[in-house]
């Protein structure tokens, strides 16, 4: 089955109220931001201990 056909079927199911589609970008964005903060903290700590 082609990707457009799958998409069309999902749209029909969604309109019928049988499924609800969401885009998990909020979760991904939160995960990326959490790890970005952690790595920035680690790099800051490393910078404090580096030799000039």
PDB file of N, CA and C in Angstrom:
ATOM      1  N   UNK A   1       0.852  -1.168   0.000  1.00  0.00           N
ATOM      2  CA  UNK A   1       0.000   0.000   0.000  1.00  0.00           C
ATOM      3  C   UNK A   1       0.905   1.240   0.000  1.00  0.00           C
ATOM      4  N   UNK A   2       0.584   2.206  -0.801  1.00  0.00           N
ATOM      5  CA  UNK A   2       1.410   3.404  -0.917  1.00  0.00           C
ATOM      6  C   UNK A   2       1.190   4.341   0.275  1.00  0.00           C
ATOM      7  N   UNK A   3       2.157   5.214   0.499  1.00  0.00           N
ATOM      8  CA  UNK A   3       2.051   6.179   1.595  1.00  0.00           C
ATOM      9  C   UNK A   3       0.831   7.099   1.433  1.00  0.00           C
ATOM     10  N   UNK A   4       0.533   7.604   0.219  1.00  0.00           N
ATOM     11  CA  UNK A   4      -0.658   8.431   0.069  1.00  0.00           C
ATOM     12  C   UNK A   4      -1.956   7.679   0.389  1.00  0.00           C
ATOM     13  N   UNK A   5      -1.999   6.396   0.030  1.00  0.00           N
ATOM     14  CA  UNK A   5      -3.199   5.601   0.316  1.00  0.00           C
ATOM     15  C   UNK A   5      -3.367   5.415   1.824  1.00  0.00           C
ATOM     16  N   UNK A   6      -2.271   5.169   2.512  1.00  0.00           N
ATOM     17  CA  UNK A   6      -2.323   5.022   3.974  1.00  0.00           C
ATOM     18  C   UNK A   6      -2.789   6.327   4.609  1.00  0.00           C
ATOM     19  N   UNK A   7      -2.242   7.423   4.131  1.00  0.00           N
ATOM     20  CA  UNK A   7      -2.625   8.731   4.660  1.00  0.00           C
ATOM     21  C   UNK A   7      -4.108   8.989   4.457  1.00  0.00           C
ATOM     22  N   UNK A   8      -4.604   8.643   3.291  1.00  0.00           N
ATOM     23  CA  UNK A   8      -6.026   8.835   2.998  1.00  0.00           C
ATOM     24  C   UNK A   8      -6.894   7.989   3.923  1.00  0.00           C
ATOM     25  N   UNK A   9      -6.502   6.753   4.156  1.00  0.00           N
ATOM     26  CA  UNK A   9      -7.260   5.881   5.064  1.00  0.00           C
ATOM     27  C   UNK A   9      -7.254   6.449   6.490  1.00  0.00           C
ATOM     28  N   UNK A  10      -6.111   6.955   6.908  1.00  0.00           N
ATOM     29  CA  UNK A  10      -6.029   7.541   8.255  1.00  0.00           C
ATOM     30  C   UNK A  10      -6.934   8.768   8.372  1.00  0.00           C
ATOM     31  N   UNK A  11      -6.987   9.564   7.321  1.00  0.00           N
ATOM     32  CA  UNK A  11      -7.869  10.737   7.335  1.00  0.00           C
ATOM     33  C   UNK A  11      -9.330  10.331   7.482  1.00  0.00           C
ATOM     34  N   UNK A  12      -9.730   9.262   6.769  1.00  0.00           N
ATOM     35  CA  UNK A  12     -11.108   8.775   6.854  1.00  0.00           C
ATOM     36  C   UNK A  12     -11.408   8.293   8.271  1.00  0.00           C
ATOM     37  N   UNK A  13     -10.509   7.526   8.852  1.00  0.00           N
ATOM     38  CA  UNK A  13     -10.694   7.031  10.216  1.00  0.00           C
ATOM     39  C   UNK A  13     -10.741   8.179  11.221  1.00  0.00           C
ATOM     40  N   UNK A  14      -9.913   9.187  10.996  1.00  0.00           N
ATOM     41  CA  UNK A  14      -9.892  10.342  11.896  1.00  0.00           C
ATOM     42  C   UNK A  14     -11.215  11.115  11.809  1.00  0.00           C
ATOM     43  N   UNK A  15     -11.694  11.348  10.596  1.00  0.00           N
ATOM     44  CA  UNK A  15     -12.975  12.052  10.423  1.00  0.00           C
ATOM     45  C   UNK A  15     -14.129  11.284  11.049  1.00  0.00           C
ATOM     46  N   UNK A  16     -14.040   9.966  11.041  1.00  0.00           N
ATOM     47  CA  UNK A  16     -15.085   9.129  11.625  1.00  0.00           C
ATOM     48  C   UNK A  16     -14.990   9.078  13.150  1.00  0.00           C
ATOM     49  N   UNK A  17     -13.924   9.668  13.694  1.00  0.00           N
ATOM     50  CA  UNK A  17     -13.751   9.684  15.144  1.00  0.00           C
ATOM     51  C   UNK A  17     -13.218   8.378  15.708  1.00  0.00           C
ATOM     52  N   UNK A  18     -12.692   7.532  14.845  1.00  0.00           N
ATOM     53  CA  UNK A  18     -12.178   6.241  15.295  1.00  0.00           C
ATOM     54  C   UNK A  18     -10.726   6.314  15.767  1.00  0.00           C
ATOM     55  N   UNK A  19     -10.003   7.289  15.261  1.00  0.00           N
ATOM     56  CA  UNK A  19      -8.619   7.495  15.691  1.00  0.00           C
ATOM     57  C   UNK A  19      -8.375   8.974  15.887  1.00  0.00           C
ATOM     58  N   UNK A  20      -7.321   9.283  16.605  1.00  0.00           N
ATOM     59  CA  UNK A  20      -6.890  10.669  16.779  1.00  0.00           C
ATOM     60  C   UNK A  20      -5.400  10.694  16.505  1.00  0.00           C
ATOM     61  N   UNK A  21      -5.035  11.488  15.530  1.00  0.00           N
ATOM     62  CA  UNK A  21      -3.613  11.578  15.187  1.00  0.00           C
ATOM     63  C   UNK A  21      -3.016  12.808  15.848  1.00  0.00           C
ATOM     64  N   UNK A  22      -1.816  12.640  16.366  1.00  0.00           N
ATOM     65  CA  UNK A  22      -1.082  13.763  16.942  1.00  0.00           C
ATOM     66  C   UNK A  22       0.340  13.731  16.410  1.00  0.00           C
ATOM     67  N   UNK A  23       0.964  14.856  16.469  1.00  0.00           N
ATOM     68  CA  UNK A  23       2.358  14.957  16.074  1.00  0.00           C
ATOM     69  C   UNK A  23       3.166  15.075  17.366  1.00  0.00           C
ATOM     70  N   UNK A  24       4.063  14.116  17.626  1.00  0.00           N
ATOM     71  CA  UNK A  24       4.786  14.100  18.902  1.00  0.00           C
ATOM     72  C   UNK A  24       5.960  15.068  18.960  1.00  0.00           C
ATOM     73  N   UNK A  25       5.894  16.152  18.232  1.00  0.00           N
ATOM     74  CA  UNK A  25       7.034  17.066  18.221  1.00  0.00           C
ATOM     75  C   UNK A  25       7.249  17.753  19.560  1.00  0.00           C
ATOM     76  N   UNK A  26       6.189  17.960  20.329  1.00  0.00           N
ATOM     77  CA  UNK A  26       6.355  18.570  21.646  1.00  0.00           C
ATOM     78  C   UNK A  26       7.216  17.681  22.532  1.00  0.00           C
ATOM     79  N   UNK A  27       6.971  16.387  22.487  1.00  0.00           N
ATOM     80  CA  UNK A  27       7.763  15.455  23.280  1.00  0.00           C
ATOM     81  C   UNK A  27       9.214  15.430  22.816  1.00  0.00           C
ATOM     82  N   UNK A  28       9.402  15.416  21.521  1.00  0.00           N
ATOM     83  CA  UNK A  28      10.756  15.401  20.961  1.00  0.00           C
ATOM     84  C   UNK A  28      11.477  16.692  21.326  1.00  0.00           C
ATOM     85  N   UNK A  29      10.798  17.801  21.191  1.00  0.00           N
ATOM     86  CA  UNK A  29      11.389  19.094  21.517  1.00  0.00           C
ATOM     87  C   UNK A  29      11.797  19.155  22.984  1.00  0.00           C
ATOM     88  N   UNK A  30      10.955  18.651  23.863  1.00  0.00           N
ATOM     89  CA  UNK A  30      11.276  18.645  25.302  1.00  0.00           C
ATOM     90  C   UNK A  30      12.491  17.766  25.572  1.00  0.00           C
ATOM     91  N   UNK A  31      12.563  16.612  24.905  1.00  0.00           N
ATOM     92  CA  UNK A  31      13.695  15.706  25.086  1.00  0.00           C
ATOM     93  C   UNK A  31      14.990  16.375  24.623  1.00  0.00           C
ATOM     94  N   UNK A  32      14.946  17.000  23.463  1.00  0.00           N
ATOM     95  CA  UNK A  32      16.132  17.671  22.918  1.00  0.00           C
ATOM     96  C   UNK A  32      16.567  18.801  23.857  1.00  0.00           C
ATOM     97  N   UNK A  33      15.622  19.594  24.324  1.00  0.00           N
ATOM     98  CA  UNK A  33      15.954  20.718  25.199  1.00  0.00           C
ATOM     99  C   UNK A  33      16.564  20.235  26.507  1.00  0.00           C
ATOM    100  N   UNK A  34      16.009  19.163  27.063  1.00  0.00           N
ATOM    101  CA  UNK A  34      16.552  18.598  28.309  1.00  0.00           C
ATOM    102  C   UNK A  34      18.008  18.192  28.112  1.00  0.00           C
ATOM    103  N   UNK A  35      18.293  17.485  27.031  1.00  0.00           N
ATOM    104  CA  UNK A  35      19.655  17.022  26.782  1.00  0.00           C
ATOM    105  C   UNK A  35      20.582  18.171  26.390  1.00  0.00           C
ATOM    106  N   UNK A  36      20.044  19.168  25.726  1.00  0.00           N
ATOM    107  CA  UNK A  36      20.856  20.344  25.389  1.00  0.00           C
ATOM    108  C   UNK A  36      21.325  21.043  26.662  1.00  0.00           C
ATOM    109  N   UNK A  37      20.398  21.209  27.619  1.00  0.00           N
ATOM    110  CA  UNK A  37      20.776  21.836  28.902  1.00  0.00           C
ATOM    111  C   UNK A  37      21.834  21.019  29.626  1.00  0.00           C
ATOM    112  N   UNK A  38      21.638  19.693  29.656  1.00  0.00           N
ATOM    113  CA  UNK A  38      22.611  18.828  30.332  1.00  0.00           C
ATOM    114  C   UNK A  38      23.993  18.943  29.700  1.00  0.00           C
ATOM    115  N   UNK A  39      24.056  18.896  28.371  1.00  0.00           N
ATOM    116  CA  UNK A  39      25.348  18.967  27.700  1.00  0.00           C
ATOM    117  C   UNK A  39      25.975  20.346  27.848  1.00  0.00           C
ATOM    118  N   UNK A  40      25.164  21.389  27.822  1.00  0.00           N
ATOM    119  CA  UNK A  40      25.729  22.731  28.042  1.00  0.00           C
ATOM    120  C   UNK A  40      26.337  22.850  29.427  1.00  0.00           C
ATOM    121  N   UNK A  41      25.673  22.267  30.432  1.00  0.00           N
ATOM    122  CA  UNK A  41      26.221  22.269  31.791  1.00  0.00           C
ATOM    123  C   UNK A  41      27.540  21.502  31.836  1.00  0.00           C
ATOM    124  N   UNK A  42      27.593  20.386  31.159  1.00  0.00           N
ATOM    125  CA  UNK A  42      28.823  19.589  31.132  1.00  0.00           C
ATOM    126  C   UNK A  42      29.957  20.335  30.432  1.00  0.00           C
ATOM    127  N   UNK A  43      29.648  20.981  29.315  1.00  0.00           N
ATOM    128  CA  UNK A  43      30.676  21.739  28.608  1.00  0.00           C
ATOM    129  C   UNK A  43      31.154  22.925  29.445  1.00  0.00           C
ATOM    130  N   UNK A  44      30.231  23.576  30.152  1.00  0.00           N
ATOM    131  CA  UNK A  44      30.617  24.685  31.031  1.00  0.00           C
ATOM    132  C   UNK A  44      31.550  24.198  32.119  1.00  0.00           C
ATOM    133  N   UNK A  45      31.240  23.055  32.724  1.00  0.00           N
ATOM    134  CA  UNK A  45      32.085  22.493  33.775  1.00  0.00           C
ATOM    135  C   UNK A  45      33.449  22.103  33.220  1.00  0.00           C
ATOM    136  N   UNK A  46      33.478  21.535  32.033  1.00  0.00           N
ATOM    137  CA  UNK A  46      34.731  21.164  31.403  1.00  0.00           C
ATOM    138  C   UNK A  46      35.574  22.399  31.104  1.00  0.00           C
ATOM    139  N   UNK A  47      34.917  23.453  30.650  1.00  0.00           N
ATOM    140  CA  UNK A  47      35.620  24.692  30.345  1.00  0.00           C
ATOM    141  C   UNK A  47      36.268  25.290  31.595  1.00  0.00           C
ATOM    142  N   UNK A  48      35.590  25.173  32.730  1.00  0.00           N
ATOM    143  CA  UNK A  48      36.138  25.691  33.989  1.00  0.00           C
ATOM    144  C   UNK A  48      37.385  24.949  34.401  1.00  0.00           C
ATOM    145  N   UNK A  49      37.525  23.688  33.992  1.00  0.00           N
ATOM    146  CA  UNK A  49      38.658  22.874  34.391  1.00  0.00           C
ATOM    147  C   UNK A  49      39.721  22.755  33.312  1.00  0.00           C
ATOM    148  N   UNK A  50      39.532  23.406  32.201  1.00  0.00           N
ATOM    149  CA  UNK A  50      40.499  23.288  31.114  1.00  0.00           C
ATOM    150  C   UNK A  50      41.690  24.194  31.372  1.00  0.00           C
ATOM    151  N   UNK A  51      42.795  23.813  30.731  1.00  0.00           N
ATOM    152  CA  UNK A  51      44.034  24.588  30.875  1.00  0.00           C
ATOM    153  C   UNK A  51      43.997  25.730  29.867  1.00  0.00           C
ATOM    154  N   UNK A  52      44.290  26.945  30.317  1.00  0.00           N
ATOM    155  CA  UNK A  52      44.253  28.105  29.405  1.00  0.00           C
ATOM    156  C   UNK A  52      45.318  28.054  28.337  1.00  0.00           C
TER     157      UNK A  52
END
